Amino acid sequence: MKFSELKNSGHWPTLFTSFLYFDFSFMVWTMLGPLGAQIGETLHLSPEQKGLMVAMPILSGAVLRIVLGMLVDRWGAKNTGIAAQLVVIAGLACAYFIGLPNYQATLLMGSVLGFAGASFAVALPQAGRWYPPNMQGVVMGLAGAGNIGVVLDSLCAPRLAAIYGWRSVFGFALIPSFLVLVVYIVFSREAQVDVKKKRLVDYVNLLKDKDAHWFCFYYMVSFGGFVGLASSYVLYFKSEYGLSPVQAGDFGALCTFIGAVLRPVGGAVADRIGGIRSLYTFYALAGLAIVVSPLSHHLDYNVATFLVASAALGMANGSVFQLLPQRFGKDIGVMTGLVGCGGGVGGFYLASSLGMAKGYTGSYAPGFFIFAGLCLLAICGLGLVKTRWRTTWGALANARI
């Protein structure tokens, strides 16, 4: 596909503002991760508490994705996006002016930041509804590449916290939050498509479809792995190698960056060779990298394996969303919420299990090994569904399956 085709189709200002909204939202959604080491030292948190602290925004975002996904079909994506941004701005303001005095306050802040993570259920359908089926992989990948905001977190948050204190980071985040809100209000538009307003029962009904379960599981592994690792890198590198939060943040940013920027590449690869075939490759690479990552205590070796893992998981995210609109095009708002919820649950599991593994066994390895097993289960699941998918709805799709 040529760039001119993308530019001449749909509505590129909405695609850009969806990316921008998603990018900022991811930046604030995972900010407790890069700040986790400094907050943990101040509040004297255990490894298990730090793991749950960085995982709480992911879990909250998972649940809220269902809520916002439903509101997208009722209020419209733009109105829903504006409301979610206002809630996040209020949370940042409270954290800056009031602070996070104890462990319980960090969990409450994590719950509020979940509204930023739930932007997934707004930005992707808002952008995707403007474009035809054969462009969904690239479009969803470009909009979803906003998860590069996690990289900005890892680079900037520890540095700002080292200079001004970690509480001030929430204040600094208010500046781009207002700018993004204004740009989003001015330039984003709703696609003129007929959308049936969904109720909670519609989610329940969709969950009766076994394909919905498969998509939730596949995204639980791909996105859950990506965001779970992104939220845990600073804690991991600081704990295992005695790095400063800034140094750990730099390595975390490097690993997360490769996964974020390759998400649209994964979508494009899926458009070319088919989503199922591409997912086979990406899950295999991710699982292998995650298995071997804790087997050596050499920093360069560890960074290299995490680069491969994040890259593969990032591309797998794009591949899942190349397939999803082909199967559930009429219910993309609801399904984006459901699948996004699955991804959030996966991220919560990985981040919290790494903290628990470290706290109970003194090593992160058990958490990594179990998640690698989920990658293997995803590969087995693809083998179970590929023939049925390709001969039923896949045969009617205007894209490779």
Protein backbone atom coordinates (compact mmCIF):
# COMPACT_ATOMS: atom_id res chain seq x y z
CA MET A 1 0.00 0.00 0.00
CA LYS A 2 1.32 3.45 -0.95
CA PHE A 3 1.25 6.42 1.40
CA SER A 4 -0.83 8.35 -1.13
CA GLU A 5 -3.58 5.74 -0.80
CA LEU A 6 -3.67 6.28 2.95
CA LYS A 7 -3.63 10.05 2.56
CA ASN A 8 -6.43 10.07 -0.01
CA SER A 9 -8.67 7.70 1.94
CA GLY A 10 -10.53 8.37 5.16
CA HIS A 11 -9.68 11.43 7.25
CA TRP A 12 -6.00 11.83 8.11
CA PRO A 13 -6.48 14.61 10.74
CA THR A 14 -8.60 12.16 12.75
CA LEU A 15 -5.98 9.45 12.28
CA PHE A 16 -3.30 11.84 13.52
CA THR A 17 -5.29 13.14 16.50
CA SER A 18 -6.26 9.57 17.44
CA PHE A 19 -2.56 8.72 17.49
CA LEU A 20 -1.78 11.87 19.52
CA TYR A 21 -4.53 11.18 22.06
CA PHE A 22 -3.45 7.56 22.35
CA ASP A 23 0.21 8.59 22.67
CA PHE A 24 -0.38 11.02 25.52
CA SER A 25 -2.78 8.60 27.23
CA PHE A 26 -0.20 5.83 27.19
CA MET A 27 2.39 8.22 28.56
CA VAL A 28 0.33 8.95 31.66
CA TRP A 29 -1.25 5.50 31.90
CA THR A 30 2.05 3.76 32.65
CA MET A 31 3.84 6.58 34.47
CA LEU A 32 3.75 4.73 37.79
CA GLY A 33 6.04 2.14 36.20
CA PRO A 34 9.01 4.45 35.47
CA LEU A 35 8.39 6.19 38.80
CA GLY A 36 7.91 2.91 40.64
CA ALA A 37 11.45 2.64 41.99
CA GLN A 38 11.48 6.19 43.37
CA ILE A 39 7.95 6.02 44.78
CA GLY A 40 8.72 2.61 46.26
CA GLU A 41 11.80 3.90 48.07
CA THR A 42 9.92 6.89 49.47
CA LEU A 43 6.98 4.80 50.72
CA HIS A 44 9.15 1.77 51.67
CA LEU A 45 7.16 -0.66 49.50
CA SER A 46 7.89 -4.38 49.17
CA PRO A 47 8.51 -5.99 45.74
CA GLU A 48 4.95 -7.35 45.79
CA GLN A 49 3.52 -3.91 46.57
CA LYS A 50 5.58 -2.25 43.84
CA GLY A 51 4.45 -4.91 41.37
CA LEU A 52 0.79 -4.33 42.23
CA MET A 53 1.25 -0.55 42.16
CA VAL A 54 2.55 -0.53 38.57
CA ALA A 55 -0.03 -3.14 37.56
CA MET A 56 -3.08 -1.34 38.98
CA PRO A 57 -3.45 1.19 36.12
CA ILE A 58 -3.35 -1.71 33.66
CA LEU A 59 -6.14 -3.56 35.45
CA SER A 60 -8.23 -0.41 35.79
CA GLY A 61 -7.70 0.38 32.12
CA ALA A 62 -8.79 -3.14 31.21
CA VAL A 63 -12.16 -2.77 32.96
CA LEU A 64 -12.70 0.79 31.75
CA ARG A 65 -12.08 -0.21 28.14
CA ILE A 66 -15.39 -2.03 28.21
CA VAL A 67 -17.10 1.04 29.62
CA LEU A 68 -15.56 3.44 27.11
CA GLY A 69 -16.05 0.99 24.27
CA MET A 70 -19.76 1.04 25.02
CA LEU A 71 -19.82 4.82 25.34
CA VAL A 72 -18.11 5.18 21.95
CA ASP A 73 -21.17 3.64 20.31
CA ARG A 74 -23.58 5.76 22.38
CA TRP A 75 -21.91 9.16 22.77
CA GLY A 76 -19.51 8.96 19.85
CA ALA A 77 -15.75 8.45 19.99
CA LYS A 78 -14.91 12.16 20.19
CA ASN A 79 -17.19 12.97 23.12
CA THR A 80 -16.02 9.88 24.96
CA GLY A 81 -12.38 10.78 24.35
CA ILE A 82 -12.88 14.31 25.68
CA ALA A 83 -14.59 13.06 28.85
CA ALA A 84 -11.84 10.50 29.52
CA GLN A 85 -9.12 13.11 29.09
CA LEU A 86 -10.82 15.43 31.58
CA VAL A 87 -10.90 12.66 34.21
CA VAL A 88 -7.20 11.97 33.71
CA ILE A 89 -6.36 15.69 33.96
CA ALA A 90 -8.25 15.85 37.26
CA GLY A 91 -6.32 12.84 38.57
CA LEU A 92 -2.95 14.32 37.60
CA ALA A 93 -3.86 17.59 39.29
CA CYS A 94 -4.78 15.82 42.52
CA ALA A 95 -1.55 13.79 42.52
CA TYR A 96 0.48 16.95 42.01
CA PHE A 97 -1.23 19.23 44.49
CA ILE A 98 -2.16 16.65 47.15
CA GLY A 99 0.47 13.95 46.54
CA LEU A 100 0.49 10.18 47.10
CA PRO A 101 1.12 9.84 50.85
CA ASN A 102 0.78 6.05 51.16
CA TYR A 103 0.47 2.75 49.31
CA GLN A 104 -3.33 2.95 49.18
CA ALA A 105 -3.09 6.36 47.48
CA THR A 106 -0.87 4.91 44.76
CA LEU A 107 -3.48 2.23 44.05
CA LEU A 108 -6.22 4.87 43.88
CA MET A 109 -4.12 6.94 41.48
CA GLY A 110 -3.55 3.83 39.40
CA SER A 111 -7.30 3.33 39.17
CA VAL A 112 -7.77 6.89 37.87
CA LEU A 113 -4.96 6.50 35.34
CA GLY A 114 -6.92 3.56 33.97
CA PHE A 115 -9.05 6.11 32.10
CA ALA A 116 -5.94 6.91 30.07
CA GLY A 117 -5.36 3.25 29.30
CA ALA A 118 -8.97 2.90 28.23
CA SER A 119 -8.28 5.38 25.40
CA PHE A 120 -7.51 2.27 23.38
CA ALA A 121 -11.26 1.65 23.06
CA VAL A 122 -11.76 5.19 21.74
CA ALA A 123 -8.83 6.04 19.48
CA LEU A 124 -8.72 2.82 17.45
CA PRO A 125 -12.39 2.63 16.40
CA GLN A 126 -12.46 6.39 15.83
CA ALA A 127 -9.63 6.09 13.32
CA GLY A 128 -10.59 2.69 11.89
CA ARG A 129 -14.14 3.66 10.96
CA TRP A 130 -12.78 6.12 8.38
CA TYR A 131 -10.90 3.49 6.32
CA PRO A 132 -11.71 0.45 4.11
CA PRO A 133 -11.05 -3.18 5.14
CA ASN A 134 -7.82 -3.58 3.15
CA MET A 135 -6.22 -0.71 5.12
CA GLN A 136 -7.28 -1.76 8.60
CA GLY A 137 -3.96 -3.37 9.52
CA VAL A 138 -1.94 -0.26 8.74
CA VAL A 139 -4.52 2.21 10.08
CA MET A 140 -5.03 0.36 13.35
CA GLY A 141 -1.28 -0.01 13.62
CA LEU A 142 -0.66 3.71 13.09
CA ALA A 143 -3.33 4.75 15.57
CA GLY A 144 -2.16 2.11 18.02
CA ALA A 145 1.47 3.21 17.65
CA GLY A 146 0.52 5.87 20.16
CA ASN A 147 1.72 3.37 22.74
CA ILE A 148 5.10 4.96 22.04
CA GLY A 149 4.03 7.28 24.87
CA VAL A 150 5.37 4.61 27.21
CA VAL A 151 8.82 5.40 25.81
CA LEU A 152 8.49 9.08 26.71
CA ASP A 153 7.54 7.98 30.21
CA SER A 154 10.62 5.85 30.67
CA LEU A 155 12.93 8.55 29.33
CA CYS A 156 11.49 11.62 31.02
CA ALA A 157 9.77 10.57 34.25
CA PRO A 158 12.83 9.23 36.14
CA ARG A 159 14.92 12.24 35.06
CA LEU A 160 12.34 14.78 36.13
CA ALA A 161 11.81 12.93 39.38
CA ALA A 162 15.57 12.91 40.09
CA ILE A 163 15.73 16.68 39.64
CA TYR A 164 12.40 17.95 40.95
CA GLY A 165 11.00 15.00 42.93
CA TRP A 166 8.59 12.36 41.65
CA ARG A 167 5.50 14.31 42.77
CA SER A 168 6.37 17.11 40.34
CA VAL A 169 6.20 14.70 37.39
CA PHE A 170 2.42 14.66 37.67
CA GLY A 171 2.45 18.46 37.42
CA PHE A 172 4.66 18.42 34.34
CA ALA A 173 2.26 15.93 32.72
CA LEU A 174 -0.54 18.48 32.98
CA ILE A 175 1.12 20.66 30.33
CA PRO A 176 0.86 18.22 27.38
CA SER A 177 -2.49 17.00 28.68
CA PHE A 178 -4.11 20.38 28.02
CA LEU A 179 -2.38 20.77 24.64
CA VAL A 180 -3.50 17.36 23.42
CA LEU A 181 -7.05 17.99 24.59
CA VAL A 182 -7.25 21.23 22.59
CA VAL A 183 -5.83 19.64 19.41
CA TYR A 184 -8.16 16.68 19.77
CA ILE A 185 -11.24 18.89 20.18
CA VAL A 186 -10.34 21.04 17.17
CA PHE A 187 -9.22 18.48 14.59
CA SER A 188 -10.75 15.05 15.29
CA ARG A 189 -14.00 14.08 13.57
CA GLU A 190 -16.59 11.31 13.78
CA ALA A 191 -16.89 9.00 10.78
CA GLN A 192 -20.35 9.12 9.20
CA VAL A 193 -21.23 5.47 9.70
CA ASP A 194 -24.31 3.83 11.14
CA VAL A 195 -23.51 2.53 14.60
CA LYS A 196 -25.99 0.66 16.72
CA LYS A 197 -25.93 1.80 20.33
CA LYS A 198 -24.69 -1.02 22.49
CA ARG A 199 -25.82 -2.10 25.91
CA LEU A 200 -24.03 -4.18 28.50
CA VAL A 201 -26.00 -7.19 27.35
CA ASP A 202 -24.41 -6.79 23.90
CA TYR A 203 -21.03 -7.46 25.46
CA VAL A 204 -22.42 -10.53 27.12
CA ASN A 205 -23.93 -11.72 23.84
CA LEU A 206 -20.66 -11.22 21.96
CA LEU A 207 -18.86 -13.24 24.60
CA LYS A 208 -21.08 -16.17 23.61
CA ASP A 209 -19.17 -16.21 20.32
CA LYS A 210 -16.09 -18.38 20.77
CA ASP A 211 -14.11 -16.22 18.36
CA ALA A 212 -14.46 -13.32 20.80
CA HIS A 213 -12.72 -15.43 23.44
CA TRP A 214 -9.89 -16.27 21.05
CA PHE A 215 -9.31 -12.62 20.16
CA CYS A 216 -9.33 -11.62 23.83
CA PHE A 217 -6.77 -14.31 24.57
CA TYR A 218 -4.50 -13.45 21.65
CA TYR A 219 -4.46 -9.80 22.67
CA MET A 220 -4.04 -10.73 26.32
CA VAL A 221 -0.75 -12.33 25.32
CA SER A 222 0.48 -9.75 22.79
CA PHE A 223 -0.59 -6.46 24.34
CA GLY A 224 -0.48 -7.81 27.88
CA GLY A 225 3.11 -8.88 27.33
CA PHE A 226 4.06 -5.57 25.77
CA VAL A 227 2.55 -3.27 28.41
CA GLY A 228 3.39 -5.59 31.31
CA LEU A 229 7.05 -5.53 30.33
CA ALA A 230 6.97 -1.78 29.68
CA SER A 231 5.61 -1.15 33.18
CA SER A 232 8.17 -3.44 34.81
CA TYR A 233 11.42 -2.60 33.03
CA VAL A 234 12.56 0.13 35.43
CA LEU A 235 11.90 -2.00 38.51
CA TYR A 236 13.55 -5.01 36.86
CA PHE A 237 16.74 -3.33 35.66
CA LYS A 238 17.21 -1.43 38.92
CA SER A 239 16.69 -4.55 41.02
CA GLU A 240 18.78 -6.96 38.92
CA TYR A 241 21.68 -4.68 37.98
CA GLY A 242 21.67 -1.94 40.62
CA LEU A 243 21.12 0.76 38.01
CA SER A 244 19.82 4.20 38.88
CA PRO A 245 16.17 4.89 37.98
CA VAL A 246 17.37 7.10 35.10
CA GLN A 247 19.66 4.39 33.68
CA ALA A 248 16.95 1.75 34.11
CA GLY A 249 14.47 4.08 32.42
CA ASP A 250 16.77 4.48 29.43
CA PHE A 251 16.99 0.73 28.89
CA GLY A 252 13.26 0.38 29.42
CA ALA A 253 12.60 3.13 26.89
CA LEU A 254 14.82 1.43 24.32
CA CYS A 255 13.02 -1.90 24.67
CA THR A 256 9.57 -0.31 24.66
CA PHE A 257 10.35 1.97 21.71
CA ILE A 258 11.08 -0.91 19.38
CA GLY A 259 7.77 -2.59 20.20
CA ALA A 260 5.80 0.63 19.85
CA VAL A 261 7.17 1.70 16.48
CA LEU A 262 6.88 -1.80 15.03
CA ARG A 263 3.17 -2.13 15.78
CA PRO A 264 2.14 -0.68 12.39
CA VAL A 265 4.79 -2.89 10.77
CA GLY A 266 3.04 -5.89 12.29
CA GLY A 267 -0.25 -4.67 10.84
CA ALA A 268 1.33 -4.16 7.42
CA VAL A 269 2.92 -7.62 7.51
CA ALA A 270 -0.46 -9.09 8.39
CA ASP A 271 -2.07 -7.21 5.49
CA ARG A 272 0.50 -8.79 3.16
CA ILE A 273 0.83 -12.39 4.40
CA GLY A 274 -2.25 -12.77 6.62
CA GLY A 275 -2.83 -12.16 10.32
CA ILE A 276 -2.68 -15.81 11.36
CA ARG A 277 0.64 -16.53 9.67
CA SER A 278 2.22 -13.39 11.09
CA LEU A 279 1.00 -14.17 14.62
CA TYR A 280 2.63 -17.61 14.48
CA THR A 281 5.98 -15.93 13.93
CA PHE A 282 5.57 -13.11 16.43
CA TYR A 283 4.37 -15.31 19.30
CA ALA A 284 7.20 -17.78 18.70
CA LEU A 285 9.83 -15.02 18.77
CA ALA A 286 8.34 -13.41 21.89
CA GLY A 287 8.05 -16.68 23.79
CA LEU A 288 11.62 -17.71 22.99
CA ALA A 289 13.04 -14.33 23.98
CA ILE A 290 11.10 -14.26 27.26
CA VAL A 291 12.30 -17.77 28.15
CA VAL A 292 15.97 -17.02 27.62
CA SER A 293 15.93 -13.50 29.10
CA PRO A 294 16.40 -14.48 32.77
CA LEU A 295 18.98 -17.20 32.01
CA SER A 296 21.89 -14.76 31.97
CA HIS A 297 22.75 -11.93 34.33
CA HIS A 298 24.72 -10.06 31.67
CA LEU A 299 23.06 -6.68 31.07
CA ASP A 300 23.69 -6.50 27.32
CA TYR A 301 22.32 -10.01 26.83
CA ASN A 302 19.24 -9.18 28.85
CA VAL A 303 18.56 -5.97 26.94
CA ALA A 304 18.95 -7.79 23.60
CA THR A 305 16.42 -10.47 24.54
CA PHE A 306 13.93 -7.90 25.80
CA LEU A 307 14.34 -5.94 22.57
CA VAL A 308 13.31 -9.03 20.64
CA ALA A 309 10.41 -9.75 23.01
CA SER A 310 9.01 -6.22 22.89
CA ALA A 311 9.45 -6.02 19.11
CA ALA A 312 7.63 -9.30 18.53
CA LEU A 313 4.81 -8.46 20.93
CA GLY A 314 4.41 -5.00 19.42
CA MET A 315 4.08 -6.46 15.92
CA ALA A 316 1.67 -9.09 17.20
CA ASN A 317 -0.56 -6.27 18.48
CA GLY A 318 -0.80 -4.90 14.95
CA SER A 319 -1.54 -8.34 13.53
CA VAL A 320 -4.39 -9.00 15.96
CA PHE A 321 -6.01 -5.75 14.90
CA GLN A 322 -5.63 -6.61 11.25
CA LEU A 323 -7.87 -9.63 11.88
CA LEU A 324 -10.36 -8.14 14.33
CA PRO A 325 -12.19 -5.72 11.95
CA GLN A 326 -12.58 -8.51 9.39
CA ARG A 327 -14.38 -10.74 11.88
CA PHE A 328 -16.28 -8.16 13.96
CA GLY A 329 -16.52 -5.12 11.69
CA LYS A 330 -20.09 -4.29 12.72
CA ASP A 331 -19.23 -4.56 16.40
CA ILE A 332 -15.76 -3.04 16.35
CA GLY A 333 -16.51 -0.57 19.16
CA VAL A 334 -17.65 -3.27 21.56
CA MET A 335 -15.00 -5.74 20.45
CA THR A 336 -12.24 -3.19 20.81
CA GLY A 337 -13.35 -2.73 24.40
CA LEU A 338 -13.53 -6.47 25.04
CA VAL A 339 -10.24 -7.28 23.37
CA GLY A 340 -8.58 -4.29 25.00
CA CYS A 341 -9.85 -5.53 28.33
CA GLY A 342 -8.21 -8.87 27.65
CA GLY A 343 -4.96 -7.10 26.83
CA GLY A 344 -5.13 -5.10 30.04
CA VAL A 345 -5.75 -8.23 32.11
CA GLY A 346 -2.67 -9.79 30.52
CA GLY A 347 -0.57 -6.75 31.36
CA PHE A 348 -1.84 -6.69 34.94
CA TYR A 349 -1.04 -10.37 35.31
CA LEU A 350 2.51 -10.08 33.97
CA ALA A 351 3.45 -6.95 35.96
CA SER A 352 1.95 -8.19 39.23
CA SER A 353 3.26 -11.76 38.82
CA LEU A 354 6.80 -10.49 38.28
CA GLY A 355 6.57 -8.59 41.56
CA MET A 356 5.17 -11.63 43.34
CA ALA A 357 7.81 -13.91 41.85
CA LYS A 358 10.56 -11.58 43.03
CA GLY A 359 9.01 -11.22 46.48
CA TYR A 360 8.39 -14.93 47.10
CA THR A 361 11.32 -16.58 45.29
CA GLY A 362 13.90 -13.80 45.03
CA SER A 363 13.88 -14.12 41.23
CA TYR A 364 11.77 -12.78 38.36
CA ALA A 365 12.35 -15.97 36.34
CA PRO A 366 9.15 -17.87 37.33
CA GLY A 367 7.00 -14.95 36.15
CA PHE A 368 8.78 -14.86 32.81
CA PHE A 369 8.58 -18.61 32.27
CA ILE A 370 4.85 -18.78 32.91
CA PHE A 371 4.17 -15.94 30.48
CA ALA A 372 6.30 -17.63 27.84
CA GLY A 373 4.01 -20.62 28.28
CA LEU A 374 1.07 -18.37 27.37
CA CYS A 375 2.84 -17.53 24.10
CA LEU A 376 3.01 -21.25 23.38
CA LEU A 377 -0.68 -21.64 24.18
CA ALA A 378 -1.46 -18.80 21.75
CA ILE A 379 0.42 -20.63 18.99
CA CYS A 380 -1.55 -23.80 19.74
CA GLY A 381 -4.77 -21.78 19.66
CA LEU A 382 -3.96 -20.44 16.20
CA GLY A 383 -3.55 -23.98 14.99
CA LEU A 384 -7.02 -24.81 16.28
CA VAL A 385 -8.84 -21.92 14.58
CA LYS A 386 -6.94 -21.18 11.38
CA THR A 387 -8.80 -23.57 9.06
CA ARG A 388 -12.24 -22.58 10.32
CA TRP A 389 -11.44 -18.87 10.16
CA ARG A 390 -10.06 -19.06 6.63
CA THR A 391 -12.98 -21.06 5.29
CA THR A 392 -15.80 -19.11 6.97
CA TRP A 393 -15.64 -15.36 7.60
CA GLY A 394 -12.08 -15.20 6.30
CA ALA A 395 -13.22 -16.34 2.86
CA LEU A 396 -15.56 -13.34 2.67
CA ALA A 397 -13.08 -10.77 3.94
CA ASN A 398 -11.45 -8.26 1.63
CA ALA A 399 -8.06 -8.91 3.23
CA ARG A 400 -5.64 -11.77 3.84
CA ILE A 401 -6.47 -13.94 6.82
